[in-house]
Amino acid sequence: MAAMRCLTALLALLIAAPAAAQERAPAERQTLGELAYAIGETHALRQLCMGPTDQYWRDRMLRLTQVEDADPAFEAVMRERFNTGYAAGQGAAVECGPASHRAEAAAAARGQALAAKLSTIMRKIDPPVAGDEPVQ
């Protein structure tokens, strides 16, 4: 579960950066879509063990879309990618156990790599100011 903690920290860094959705290059939008997919997949796999009322990753996805403040078309793309990832996560395992934990860790690791990539991009665009702290 260390991968999930790292992904959460990286998402916090990403969310702390100012949103610039309208100015994003296509590659950045693609990476955000891939991140939404990974979050959706992780959400489904976490719910498999934690139950359907667990909204941990869905809540983080909602926060990401709020901070991103994307145009309606791109927000719809991010929602669709999250839902597609969720469906993939549901198909990755049928019960909570070692296989679902491995699948969740793999999805979280992909999300962690994507969040790190976006965080690096955002830091180049808008370097942090001394005293800035990530939003959690």
Protein backbone atom coordinates (compact mmCIF):
# COMPACT_ATOMS: atom_id res chain seq x y z
CA MET A 1 0.00 0.00 0.00
CA ALA A 2 3.06 2.24 -0.05
CA ALA A 3 2.33 2.94 -3.72
CA MET A 4 -1.09 4.31 -2.77
CA ARG A 5 0.46 6.60 -0.15
CA CYS A 6 2.95 7.88 -2.73
CA LEU A 7 0.18 8.39 -5.29
CA THR A 8 -1.85 10.32 -2.72
CA ALA A 9 1.14 12.56 -1.95
CA LEU A 10 1.80 13.17 -5.63
CA LEU A 11 -1.85 13.97 -6.26
CA ALA A 12 -1.65 16.48 -3.42
CA LEU A 13 1.32 18.12 -5.13
CA LEU A 14 -0.50 18.19 -8.44
CA ILE A 15 -3.66 19.61 -6.90
CA ALA A 16 -1.65 22.25 -5.06
CA ALA A 17 -0.34 23.58 -8.38
CA PRO A 18 -2.48 26.21 -10.06
CA ALA A 19 -4.87 24.92 -12.68
CA ALA A 20 -4.06 25.81 -16.24
CA ALA A 21 -6.42 23.50 -18.12
CA GLN A 22 -7.11 25.93 -20.92
CA GLU A 23 -3.37 26.24 -21.61
CA ARG A 24 -2.50 22.54 -21.44
CA ALA A 25 -0.75 20.93 -24.37
CA PRO A 26 -2.40 17.84 -25.88
CA ALA A 27 0.23 15.61 -24.26
CA GLU A 28 -0.59 17.01 -20.82
CA ARG A 29 -4.30 16.47 -21.41
CA GLN A 30 -3.52 12.91 -22.49
CA THR A 31 -1.59 12.32 -19.27
CA LEU A 32 -4.44 13.75 -17.20
CA GLY A 33 -6.81 11.37 -18.99
CA GLU A 34 -4.50 8.45 -18.24
CA LEU A 35 -4.34 9.55 -14.60
CA ALA A 36 -8.15 9.69 -14.43
CA TYR A 37 -8.23 6.13 -15.81
CA ALA A 38 -5.73 4.91 -13.19
CA ILE A 39 -7.68 6.59 -10.39
CA GLY A 40 -10.90 4.96 -11.61
CA GLU A 41 -9.24 1.55 -11.78
CA THR A 42 -7.78 1.96 -8.29
CA HIS A 43 -11.18 3.11 -7.01
CA ALA A 44 -12.90 -0.07 -8.24
CA LEU A 45 -10.23 -2.34 -6.80
CA ARG A 46 -10.25 -0.57 -3.45
CA GLN A 47 -14.04 -0.84 -3.29
CA LEU A 48 -13.75 -4.57 -3.85
CA CYS A 49 -12.15 -4.91 -0.42
CA MET A 50 -13.48 -1.84 1.37
CA GLY A 51 -17.07 -2.02 0.11
CA PRO A 52 -19.19 0.07 -2.24
CA THR A 53 -19.52 2.94 0.21
CA ASP A 54 -15.76 3.62 0.07
CA GLN A 55 -15.32 6.80 -1.97
CA TYR A 56 -11.63 7.51 -1.26
CA TRP A 57 -10.41 7.60 -4.87
CA ARG A 58 -13.64 8.98 -6.31
CA ASP A 59 -13.36 11.93 -3.93
CA ARG A 60 -9.79 12.55 -5.08
CA MET A 61 -10.92 12.43 -8.70
CA LEU A 62 -13.63 14.98 -7.95
CA ARG A 63 -11.06 17.22 -6.30
CA LEU A 64 -8.76 16.89 -9.31
CA THR A 65 -11.55 17.93 -11.68
CA GLN A 66 -12.43 20.89 -9.44
CA VAL A 67 -8.85 22.10 -9.30
CA GLU A 68 -8.28 21.46 -12.99
CA ASP A 69 -11.30 23.65 -13.79
CA ALA A 70 -11.33 22.25 -17.31
CA ASP A 71 -13.64 23.27 -20.08
CA PRO A 72 -16.80 21.11 -20.18
CA ALA A 73 -15.54 18.96 -23.05
CA PHE A 74 -12.28 18.05 -21.31
CA GLU A 75 -14.05 17.50 -17.99
CA ALA A 76 -16.31 15.01 -19.80
CA VAL A 77 -13.22 13.26 -21.19
CA MET A 78 -11.73 12.99 -17.71
CA ARG A 79 -15.02 11.63 -16.34
CA GLU A 80 -15.22 9.10 -19.17
CA ARG A 81 -11.61 7.97 -18.57
CA PHE A 82 -12.31 7.56 -14.82
CA ASN A 83 -15.41 5.49 -15.58
CA THR A 84 -13.55 3.37 -18.13
CA GLY A 85 -10.79 2.75 -15.59
CA TYR A 86 -13.43 1.88 -13.00
CA ALA A 87 -14.95 -0.72 -15.34
CA ALA A 88 -11.48 -2.14 -16.04
CA GLY A 89 -10.80 -2.35 -12.30
CA GLN A 90 -14.05 -4.21 -11.77
CA GLY A 91 -12.98 -6.74 -14.40
CA ALA A 92 -9.48 -7.15 -12.97
CA ALA A 93 -10.58 -9.15 -9.93
CA VAL A 94 -13.83 -10.67 -8.71
CA GLU A 95 -13.07 -10.90 -4.99
CA CYS A 96 -10.86 -9.25 -2.41
CA GLY A 97 -7.63 -11.18 -2.06
CA PRO A 98 -4.04 -11.35 -3.24
CA ALA A 99 -4.97 -10.89 -6.92
CA SER A 100 -7.05 -7.78 -6.22
CA HIS A 101 -4.31 -6.34 -4.01
CA ARG A 102 -1.72 -6.89 -6.75
CA ALA A 103 -4.01 -5.29 -9.34
CA GLU A 104 -4.67 -2.33 -7.04
CA ALA A 105 -0.95 -1.86 -6.40
CA ALA A 106 -0.23 -1.99 -10.16
CA ALA A 107 -2.94 0.58 -10.91
CA ALA A 108 -1.71 2.82 -8.09
CA ALA A 109 1.88 2.55 -9.39
CA ARG A 110 0.73 3.65 -12.87
CA GLY A 111 -1.15 6.54 -11.31
CA GLN A 112 1.89 7.44 -9.22
CA ALA A 113 4.09 7.60 -12.31
CA LEU A 114 1.55 9.77 -14.14
CA ALA A 115 1.10 12.10 -11.17
CA ALA A 116 4.88 12.45 -10.88
CA LYS A 117 5.11 13.30 -14.58
CA LEU A 118 2.41 15.96 -14.24
CA SER A 119 3.92 17.32 -11.04
CA THR A 120 7.25 17.77 -12.79
CA ILE A 121 5.57 19.61 -15.65
CA MET A 122 3.63 21.85 -13.26
CA ARG A 123 6.75 22.70 -11.23
CA LYS A 124 8.50 23.83 -14.42
CA ILE A 125 5.54 26.03 -15.33
CA ASP A 126 4.98 27.49 -11.86
CA PRO A 127 7.84 26.79 -9.38
CA PRO A 128 6.76 26.56 -5.74
CA VAL A 129 7.21 29.59 -3.52
CA ALA A 130 8.94 29.19 -0.15
CA GLY A 131 6.33 28.37 2.45
CA ASP A 132 3.87 26.82 -0.01
CA GLU A 133 2.41 23.58 1.24
CA PRO A 134 0.47 20.98 -0.75
CA VAL A 135 -3.30 20.95 -0.35
CA GLN A 136 -4.58 17.73 1.19
